[in-house]
Amino acid sequence: MRHIVNALLVRNGCVLLARRAPHRKAYPAQWSFPGGHVEAGETLVQGLVREMDEEIGVTPTRFVACGTIADPNEVTDRANYHMFVVSEWTGEPRLIGGEHTMLQWIAFDAAANMPGLALEEYRPLLRALPEA
């Protein structure tokens, strides 16, 4: 089983969404969160910190786990998404590399209702986000 970490960066009633690049194998051109695969020997937190630095150039300094989602679309190559609400970080989020084509701050309610989310399971998480 693959383990993937995702960061829900929150600021001023908004969450940072990342649009996946169209060449991505899983969920191309859909909205998701910065994150990625936990490497062998890493803890979930180590993977979260590394992935945030690699993908958007920030280092999470205050965060809390908010749930795990079993990928409903993977039958043979199972994956669990470990979700973290990140309320403080150093650096300013920016696109790095080619995994995403856009970053956008979106109000919690608008994000929970927007079309094109990679997983429907994101919606309850977005509705439950605390003001930060």
N, C-alpha and C. Protein backbone atom coordinates (compact mmCIF):
# COMPACT_ATOMS: atom_id res chain seq x y z
N MET A 1 0.83 -1.18 0.00
CA MET A 1 0.00 0.00 0.00
C MET A 1 0.88 1.25 0.00
N ARG A 2 0.45 2.22 -0.79
CA ARG A 2 1.15 3.50 -0.84
C ARG A 2 0.56 4.45 0.20
N HIS A 3 1.42 5.25 0.79
CA HIS A 3 0.98 6.27 1.74
C HIS A 3 1.35 7.63 1.17
N ILE A 4 0.35 8.49 1.13
CA ILE A 4 0.50 9.82 0.54
C ILE A 4 0.08 10.84 1.58
N VAL A 5 0.86 11.92 1.70
CA VAL A 5 0.51 13.00 2.61
C VAL A 5 0.00 14.18 1.79
N ASN A 6 -1.03 14.85 2.32
CA ASN A 6 -1.58 16.05 1.69
C ASN A 6 -1.71 17.14 2.74
N ALA A 7 -1.40 18.37 2.34
CA ALA A 7 -1.47 19.51 3.24
C ALA A 7 -2.60 20.44 2.84
N LEU A 8 -3.48 20.70 3.79
CA LEU A 8 -4.53 21.69 3.61
C LEU A 8 -4.03 22.95 4.31
N LEU A 9 -3.31 23.79 3.57
CA LEU A 9 -2.84 25.05 4.14
C LEU A 9 -4.03 25.98 4.29
N VAL A 10 -4.19 26.53 5.48
CA VAL A 10 -5.33 27.41 5.75
C VAL A 10 -4.84 28.78 6.20
N ARG A 11 -5.54 29.81 5.69
CA ARG A 11 -5.20 31.18 6.04
C ARG A 11 -6.40 32.07 5.76
N ASN A 12 -6.82 32.83 6.76
CA ASN A 12 -7.90 33.81 6.59
C ASN A 12 -9.16 33.22 5.98
N GLY A 13 -9.57 32.04 6.45
CA GLY A 13 -10.80 31.43 5.96
C GLY A 13 -10.69 30.82 4.57
N CYS A 14 -9.47 30.68 4.09
CA CYS A 14 -9.24 30.08 2.76
C CYS A 14 -8.30 28.89 2.88
N VAL A 15 -8.39 28.00 1.90
CA VAL A 15 -7.51 26.85 1.82
C VAL A 15 -6.78 26.91 0.48
N LEU A 16 -5.54 26.46 0.47
CA LEU A 16 -4.74 26.46 -0.76
C LEU A 16 -5.02 25.17 -1.54
N LEU A 17 -5.56 25.33 -2.74
CA LEU A 17 -5.77 24.19 -3.63
C LEU A 17 -4.73 24.24 -4.75
N ALA A 18 -4.36 23.07 -5.22
CA ALA A 18 -3.38 22.94 -6.30
C ALA A 18 -4.02 22.18 -7.46
N ARG A 19 -3.92 22.75 -8.65
CA ARG A 19 -4.46 22.06 -9.82
C ARG A 19 -3.40 21.13 -10.37
N ARG A 20 -3.71 19.85 -10.43
CA ARG A 20 -2.76 18.85 -10.90
C ARG A 20 -2.49 19.03 -12.39
N ALA A 21 -1.27 18.82 -12.77
CA ALA A 21 -0.88 18.98 -14.18
C ALA A 21 -1.62 17.95 -15.04
N PRO A 22 -1.91 18.30 -16.30
CA PRO A 22 -2.67 17.39 -17.16
C PRO A 22 -1.92 16.10 -17.51
N HIS A 23 -0.60 16.07 -17.35
CA HIS A 23 0.16 14.85 -17.66
C HIS A 23 0.19 13.85 -16.50
N ARG A 24 -0.35 14.22 -15.34
CA ARG A 24 -0.31 13.34 -14.18
C ARG A 24 -1.15 12.09 -14.41
N LYS A 25 -0.65 10.96 -13.97
CA LYS A 25 -1.34 9.68 -14.14
C LYS A 25 -2.66 9.66 -13.35
N ALA A 26 -2.60 10.06 -12.11
CA ALA A 26 -3.79 10.06 -11.26
C ALA A 26 -4.41 11.46 -11.21
N TYR A 27 -5.68 11.53 -11.47
CA TYR A 27 -6.47 12.76 -11.35
C TYR A 27 -5.88 13.95 -12.11
N PRO A 28 -5.60 13.77 -13.41
CA PRO A 28 -5.01 14.86 -14.19
C PRO A 28 -5.96 16.06 -14.27
N ALA A 29 -5.38 17.25 -14.16
CA ALA A 29 -6.07 18.54 -14.30
C ALA A 29 -7.20 18.74 -13.28
N GLN A 30 -7.17 18.00 -12.19
CA GLN A 30 -8.18 18.18 -11.15
C GLN A 30 -7.55 18.89 -9.95
N TRP A 31 -8.41 19.45 -9.10
CA TRP A 31 -7.96 20.19 -7.93
C TRP A 31 -7.71 19.24 -6.76
N SER A 32 -6.59 19.45 -6.10
CA SER A 32 -6.21 18.64 -4.96
C SER A 32 -5.44 19.54 -3.99
N PHE A 33 -4.54 18.93 -3.24
CA PHE A 33 -3.73 19.65 -2.27
C PHE A 33 -2.27 19.31 -2.52
N PRO A 34 -1.36 20.21 -2.16
CA PRO A 34 0.06 19.86 -2.27
C PRO A 34 0.35 18.63 -1.41
N GLY A 35 1.22 17.79 -1.89
CA GLY A 35 1.59 16.59 -1.15
C GLY A 35 2.19 15.55 -2.05
N GLY A 36 2.43 14.39 -1.49
CA GLY A 36 3.00 13.33 -2.30
C GLY A 36 3.29 12.08 -1.49
N HIS A 37 4.00 11.18 -2.11
CA HIS A 37 4.28 9.87 -1.55
C HIS A 37 5.28 9.94 -0.39
N VAL A 38 4.98 9.19 0.66
CA VAL A 38 5.91 9.03 1.76
C VAL A 38 6.96 8.01 1.32
N GLU A 39 8.21 8.39 1.47
CA GLU A 39 9.29 7.51 1.03
C GLU A 39 9.62 6.46 2.09
N ALA A 40 10.26 5.39 1.66
CA ALA A 40 10.66 4.32 2.59
C ALA A 40 11.50 4.91 3.71
N GLY A 41 11.18 4.54 4.95
CA GLY A 41 11.93 5.00 6.10
C GLY A 41 11.48 6.33 6.66
N GLU A 42 10.55 7.01 5.99
CA GLU A 42 10.04 8.29 6.47
C GLU A 42 8.80 8.08 7.33
N THR A 43 8.63 8.96 8.30
CA THR A 43 7.35 9.03 9.00
C THR A 43 6.42 9.90 8.16
N LEU A 44 5.14 9.91 8.50
CA LEU A 44 4.19 10.77 7.78
C LEU A 44 4.60 12.23 7.91
N VAL A 45 5.02 12.65 9.09
CA VAL A 45 5.42 14.04 9.29
C VAL A 45 6.66 14.38 8.48
N GLN A 46 7.63 13.50 8.44
CA GLN A 46 8.82 13.74 7.62
C GLN A 46 8.44 13.87 6.15
N GLY A 47 7.54 13.00 5.70
CA GLY A 47 7.08 13.08 4.31
C GLY A 47 6.34 14.38 4.04
N LEU A 48 5.51 14.82 4.98
CA LEU A 48 4.79 16.07 4.83
C LEU A 48 5.76 17.24 4.68
N VAL A 49 6.72 17.33 5.57
CA VAL A 49 7.68 18.44 5.53
C VAL A 49 8.47 18.42 4.22
N ARG A 50 8.96 17.26 3.82
CA ARG A 50 9.74 17.16 2.58
C ARG A 50 8.89 17.53 1.37
N GLU A 51 7.69 16.97 1.28
CA GLU A 51 6.83 17.24 0.12
C GLU A 51 6.45 18.71 0.02
N MET A 52 6.17 19.37 1.14
CA MET A 52 5.81 20.79 1.09
C MET A 52 6.98 21.63 0.59
N ASP A 53 8.18 21.27 1.02
CA ASP A 53 9.37 21.99 0.53
C ASP A 53 9.56 21.75 -0.96
N GLU A 54 9.45 20.50 -1.40
CA GLU A 54 9.68 20.16 -2.81
C GLU A 54 8.62 20.74 -3.74
N GLU A 55 7.35 20.74 -3.32
CA GLU A 55 6.28 21.13 -4.23
C GLU A 55 5.92 22.60 -4.19
N ILE A 56 5.97 23.22 -3.00
CA ILE A 56 5.53 24.62 -2.93
C ILE A 56 6.47 25.52 -2.14
N GLY A 57 7.62 25.01 -1.71
CA GLY A 57 8.63 25.85 -1.09
C GLY A 57 8.31 26.37 0.29
N VAL A 58 7.51 25.64 1.07
CA VAL A 58 7.22 26.06 2.44
C VAL A 58 7.60 24.94 3.40
N THR A 59 7.80 25.33 4.67
CA THR A 59 8.07 24.36 5.73
C THR A 59 6.96 24.48 6.75
N PRO A 60 6.13 23.45 6.90
CA PRO A 60 5.06 23.48 7.91
C PRO A 60 5.65 23.58 9.31
N THR A 61 5.12 24.50 10.13
CA THR A 61 5.58 24.63 11.51
C THR A 61 4.47 24.36 12.52
N ARG A 62 3.22 24.43 12.08
CA ARG A 62 2.08 24.10 12.95
C ARG A 62 1.05 23.36 12.10
N PHE A 63 0.77 22.13 12.51
CA PHE A 63 -0.15 21.30 11.72
C PHE A 63 -0.74 20.22 12.59
N VAL A 64 -1.85 19.67 12.12
CA VAL A 64 -2.52 18.58 12.83
C VAL A 64 -3.11 17.63 11.80
N ALA A 65 -3.00 16.33 12.09
CA ALA A 65 -3.63 15.33 11.22
C ALA A 65 -5.13 15.48 11.32
N CYS A 66 -5.82 15.40 10.17
CA CYS A 66 -7.28 15.57 10.20
C CYS A 66 -8.02 14.41 9.55
N GLY A 67 -7.32 13.34 9.25
CA GLY A 67 -8.00 12.17 8.71
C GLY A 67 -7.20 11.44 7.66
N THR A 68 -7.70 10.28 7.32
CA THR A 68 -7.09 9.46 6.27
C THR A 68 -8.19 9.05 5.30
N ILE A 69 -7.88 9.14 4.02
CA ILE A 69 -8.83 8.76 2.98
C ILE A 69 -8.23 7.59 2.20
N ALA A 70 -8.96 6.50 2.12
CA ALA A 70 -8.55 5.39 1.25
C ALA A 70 -8.99 5.75 -0.16
N ASP A 71 -8.08 5.72 -1.11
CA ASP A 71 -8.40 6.10 -2.48
C ASP A 71 -9.50 5.19 -3.00
N PRO A 72 -10.67 5.76 -3.29
CA PRO A 72 -11.79 4.93 -3.74
C PRO A 72 -11.65 4.41 -5.16
N ASN A 73 -10.70 4.94 -5.91
CA ASN A 73 -10.56 4.58 -7.32
C ASN A 73 -9.42 3.61 -7.59
N GLU A 74 -8.62 3.31 -6.60
CA GLU A 74 -7.49 2.40 -6.80
C GLU A 74 -7.88 1.00 -6.33
N VAL A 75 -7.87 0.06 -7.22
CA VAL A 75 -8.24 -1.31 -6.87
C VAL A 75 -6.99 -2.17 -6.70
N THR A 76 -6.05 -2.06 -7.62
CA THR A 76 -4.87 -2.92 -7.58
C THR A 76 -3.69 -2.26 -6.88
N ASP A 77 -3.58 -0.94 -6.94
CA ASP A 77 -2.45 -0.21 -6.35
C ASP A 77 -3.01 0.70 -5.26
N ARG A 78 -3.36 0.11 -4.11
CA ARG A 78 -4.07 0.84 -3.06
C ARG A 78 -3.23 1.97 -2.48
N ALA A 79 -3.92 3.05 -2.12
CA ALA A 79 -3.26 4.21 -1.52
C ALA A 79 -4.12 4.79 -0.41
N ASN A 80 -3.46 5.25 0.63
CA ASN A 80 -4.11 6.00 1.69
C ASN A 80 -3.56 7.42 1.66
N TYR A 81 -4.48 8.39 1.71
CA TYR A 81 -4.11 9.80 1.76
C TYR A 81 -4.22 10.26 3.20
N HIS A 82 -3.11 10.69 3.76
CA HIS A 82 -3.06 11.17 5.14
C HIS A 82 -3.13 12.70 5.08
N MET A 83 -4.22 13.24 5.59
CA MET A 83 -4.52 14.66 5.45
C MET A 83 -4.09 15.43 6.70
N PHE A 84 -3.46 16.58 6.46
CA PHE A 84 -2.99 17.44 7.55
C PHE A 84 -3.49 18.87 7.31
N VAL A 85 -4.06 19.48 8.34
CA VAL A 85 -4.36 20.91 8.29
C VAL A 85 -3.11 21.63 8.76
N VAL A 86 -2.59 22.50 7.90
CA VAL A 86 -1.37 23.26 8.20
C VAL A 86 -1.78 24.72 8.40
N SER A 87 -1.59 25.22 9.62
CA SER A 87 -2.02 26.58 9.93
C SER A 87 -0.87 27.58 10.02
N GLU A 88 0.35 27.09 10.09
CA GLU A 88 1.52 27.98 10.09
C GLU A 88 2.64 27.32 9.31
N TRP A 89 3.42 28.15 8.63
CA TRP A 89 4.54 27.66 7.84
C TRP A 89 5.50 28.80 7.60
N THR A 90 6.72 28.46 7.19
CA THR A 90 7.68 29.46 6.76
C THR A 90 7.76 29.42 5.25
N GLY A 91 8.01 30.56 4.64
CA GLY A 91 8.04 30.67 3.19
C GLY A 91 6.66 31.02 2.67
N GLU A 92 6.59 31.35 1.39
CA GLU A 92 5.32 31.67 0.75
C GLU A 92 5.08 30.63 -0.35
N PRO A 93 3.89 30.02 -0.36
CA PRO A 93 3.63 28.97 -1.36
C PRO A 93 3.82 29.47 -2.79
N ARG A 94 4.50 28.65 -3.57
CA ARG A 94 4.74 28.96 -5.00
C ARG A 94 4.88 27.64 -5.75
N LEU A 95 4.60 27.67 -7.03
CA LEU A 95 4.75 26.46 -7.84
C LEU A 95 6.22 26.13 -8.01
N ILE A 96 6.55 24.87 -7.78
CA ILE A 96 7.91 24.36 -8.01
C ILE A 96 7.74 23.06 -8.79
N GLY A 97 8.50 22.89 -9.86
CA GLY A 97 8.41 21.66 -10.63
C GLY A 97 7.16 21.63 -11.49
N GLY A 98 6.83 20.46 -12.00
CA GLY A 98 5.73 20.35 -12.94
C GLY A 98 4.54 19.53 -12.47
N GLU A 99 4.43 19.30 -11.16
CA GLU A 99 3.32 18.47 -10.68
C GLU A 99 1.98 19.21 -10.68
N HIS A 100 2.04 20.54 -10.53
CA HIS A 100 0.83 21.35 -10.51
C HIS A 100 0.98 22.50 -11.50
N THR A 101 -0.16 22.98 -12.00
CA THR A 101 -0.14 24.10 -12.94
C THR A 101 -0.63 25.39 -12.31
N MET A 102 -1.27 25.28 -11.12
CA MET A 102 -1.82 26.47 -10.49
C MET A 102 -2.01 26.23 -9.00
N LEU A 103 -1.77 27.29 -8.23
CA LEU A 103 -2.12 27.30 -6.81
C LEU A 103 -3.14 28.41 -6.63
N GLN A 104 -4.17 28.14 -5.80
CA GLN A 104 -5.19 29.16 -5.61
C GLN A 104 -5.75 29.08 -4.19
N TRP A 105 -5.84 30.24 -3.53
CA TRP A 105 -6.50 30.33 -2.23
C TRP A 105 -7.99 30.44 -2.48
N ILE A 106 -8.77 29.56 -1.86
CA ILE A 106 -10.21 29.52 -2.08
C ILE A 106 -10.90 29.44 -0.72
N ALA A 107 -11.96 30.22 -0.54
CA ALA A 107 -12.73 30.18 0.71
C ALA A 107 -13.21 28.76 0.97
N PHE A 108 -13.25 28.38 2.25
CA PHE A 108 -13.60 27.01 2.63
C PHE A 108 -14.90 26.54 1.97
N ASP A 109 -15.96 27.36 2.07
CA ASP A 109 -17.25 26.92 1.53
C ASP A 109 -17.21 26.79 0.01
N ALA A 110 -16.53 27.71 -0.66
CA ALA A 110 -16.41 27.63 -2.12
C ALA A 110 -15.60 26.41 -2.52
N ALA A 111 -14.54 26.12 -1.78
CA ALA A 111 -13.71 24.94 -2.08
C ALA A 111 -14.51 23.66 -1.91
N ALA A 112 -15.32 23.59 -0.88
CA ALA A 112 -16.11 22.39 -0.61
C ALA A 112 -17.15 22.13 -1.69
N ASN A 113 -17.54 23.17 -2.40
CA ASN A 113 -18.58 23.04 -3.42
C ASN A 113 -18.07 23.13 -4.85
N MET A 114 -16.78 23.31 -5.03
CA MET A 114 -16.30 23.54 -6.39
C MET A 114 -16.25 22.25 -7.21
N PRO A 115 -16.50 22.37 -8.50
CA PRO A 115 -16.35 21.20 -9.38
C PRO A 115 -14.88 20.92 -9.62
N GLY A 116 -14.58 19.70 -10.01
CA GLY A 116 -13.22 19.36 -10.39
C GLY A 116 -12.30 18.97 -9.26
N LEU A 117 -12.85 18.66 -8.09
CA LEU A 117 -11.99 18.14 -7.02
C LEU A 117 -11.59 16.71 -7.36
N ALA A 118 -10.35 16.36 -7.06
CA ALA A 118 -9.86 15.02 -7.38
C ALA A 118 -10.67 13.93 -6.68
N LEU A 119 -11.06 14.17 -5.44
CA LEU A 119 -11.82 13.18 -4.69
C LEU A 119 -13.03 13.83 -4.04
N GLU A 120 -14.17 13.16 -4.13
CA GLU A 120 -15.37 13.64 -3.44
C GLU A 120 -15.16 13.64 -1.93
N GLU A 121 -14.30 12.78 -1.44
CA GLU A 121 -14.03 12.68 -0.01
C GLU A 121 -13.38 13.93 0.56
N TYR A 122 -12.88 14.81 -0.31
CA TYR A 122 -12.31 16.08 0.17
C TYR A 122 -13.40 17.00 0.73
N ARG A 123 -14.61 16.91 0.19
CA ARG A 123 -15.67 17.86 0.54
C ARG A 123 -15.97 17.91 2.05
N PRO A 124 -16.16 16.76 2.73
CA PRO A 124 -16.42 16.85 4.17
C PRO A 124 -15.24 17.45 4.95
N LEU A 125 -14.02 17.16 4.52
CA LEU A 125 -12.84 17.74 5.19
C LEU A 125 -12.85 19.25 5.03
N LEU A 126 -13.15 19.72 3.84
CA LEU A 126 -13.17 21.17 3.59
C LEU A 126 -14.27 21.85 4.40
N ARG A 127 -15.41 21.20 4.52
CA ARG A 127 -16.53 21.78 5.30
C ARG A 127 -16.20 21.85 6.79
N ALA A 128 -15.32 20.97 7.26
CA ALA A 128 -14.99 20.91 8.69
C ALA A 128 -13.75 21.72 9.06
N LEU A 129 -13.16 22.44 8.11
CA LEU A 129 -11.93 23.18 8.43
C LEU A 129 -12.19 24.24 9.49
N PRO A 130 -11.26 24.34 10.44
CA PRO A 130 -11.39 25.38 11.46
C PRO A 130 -10.89 26.71 10.91
N GLU A 131 -11.45 27.78 11.39
CA GLU A 131 -10.94 29.10 11.00
C GLU A 131 -9.51 29.20 11.50
N ALA A 132 -8.61 29.63 10.63
CA ALA A 132 -7.21 29.77 11.03
C ALA A 132 -6.61 30.97 10.36
